[in-house]
Protein backbone atom coordinates (compact mmCIF):
# COMPACT_ATOMS: atom_id res chain seq x y z
CA ASN A 1 -21.72 -44.11 -7.69
CA ILE A 2 -22.56 -41.34 -10.16
CA LEU A 3 -20.42 -38.32 -11.07
CA VAL A 4 -22.44 -35.17 -11.81
CA TYR A 5 -20.49 -32.33 -13.42
CA ARG A 6 -21.68 -28.91 -14.59
CA LEU A 7 -19.33 -26.66 -16.49
CA GLY A 8 -20.67 -23.12 -16.62
CA GLY A 9 -19.15 -20.05 -18.20
CA SER A 10 -17.53 -18.77 -15.03
CA THR A 11 -17.97 -21.60 -12.50
CA TYR A 12 -18.10 -25.37 -12.21
CA GLU A 13 -19.73 -27.81 -9.83
CA CYS A 14 -18.95 -31.48 -9.34
CA SER A 15 -20.71 -34.00 -7.08
CA ILE A 16 -20.45 -37.71 -6.42
CA ILE A 17 -23.83 -39.28 -5.76
CA ARG A 18 -24.44 -42.77 -4.35
CA THR A 19 -27.62 -44.70 -5.11
CA THR A 20 -28.72 -47.13 -2.43
CA GLY A 21 -32.12 -48.80 -2.44
CA GLY A 22 -33.58 -46.16 -4.75
CA CYS A 23 -32.33 -43.29 -2.56
CA LEU A 24 -29.74 -40.73 -3.64
CA GLN A 25 -27.02 -39.58 -1.25
CA THR A 26 -24.41 -36.91 -1.97
CA ILE A 27 -21.01 -38.29 -0.98
CA ALA A 28 -18.88 -35.30 -1.99
CA SER A 29 -19.40 -31.96 -3.68
CA VAL A 30 -17.08 -29.19 -4.86
CA ASP A 31 -17.43 -25.98 -6.83
CA GLY A 32 -15.08 -23.27 -7.97
CA PHE A 33 -14.11 -20.58 -10.43
CA GLU A 34 -10.88 -22.00 -11.88
CA ASN A 35 -11.07 -24.17 -15.01
CA SER A 36 -14.52 -22.92 -15.98
CA GLY A 37 -16.16 -23.01 -19.39
CA ASP A 38 -14.68 -19.65 -20.36
CA ASP A 39 -11.19 -21.05 -19.68
CA PHE A 40 -11.86 -24.00 -22.00
CA THR A 41 -13.25 -21.69 -24.68
CA ASP A 42 -10.18 -19.44 -24.46
CA LEU A 43 -7.90 -22.47 -24.75
CA ILE A 44 -9.70 -23.76 -27.85
CA ILE A 45 -9.57 -20.30 -29.46
CA ASP A 46 -5.82 -20.08 -28.78
CA ILE A 47 -5.23 -23.51 -30.35
CA ILE A 48 -7.28 -22.65 -33.44
CA ALA A 49 -5.56 -19.26 -33.81
CA ASP A 50 -2.11 -20.90 -33.54
CA GLU A 51 -3.03 -23.46 -36.22
CA PHE A 52 -4.50 -20.76 -38.47
CA GLN A 53 -1.29 -18.70 -38.28
CA LYS A 54 0.89 -21.65 -39.40
C-alpha cells in the first residue's frame, strides 16, 4: 500500500493506493480544509516569534 499526501495552502488531500499485479487501485481518499499548509505556516511563525521574543 502507498500513502499519497498533498498539503496545499488552503486544502489537503490524502489517498491510500494499493498496487496489485502492476495495477493501481484507490482504497481510500479524503480531502479537507482543516490542517492545511497555511495552518502549518502560521504555527511555525508563531513558534519562531515566541522564541524571538524570549
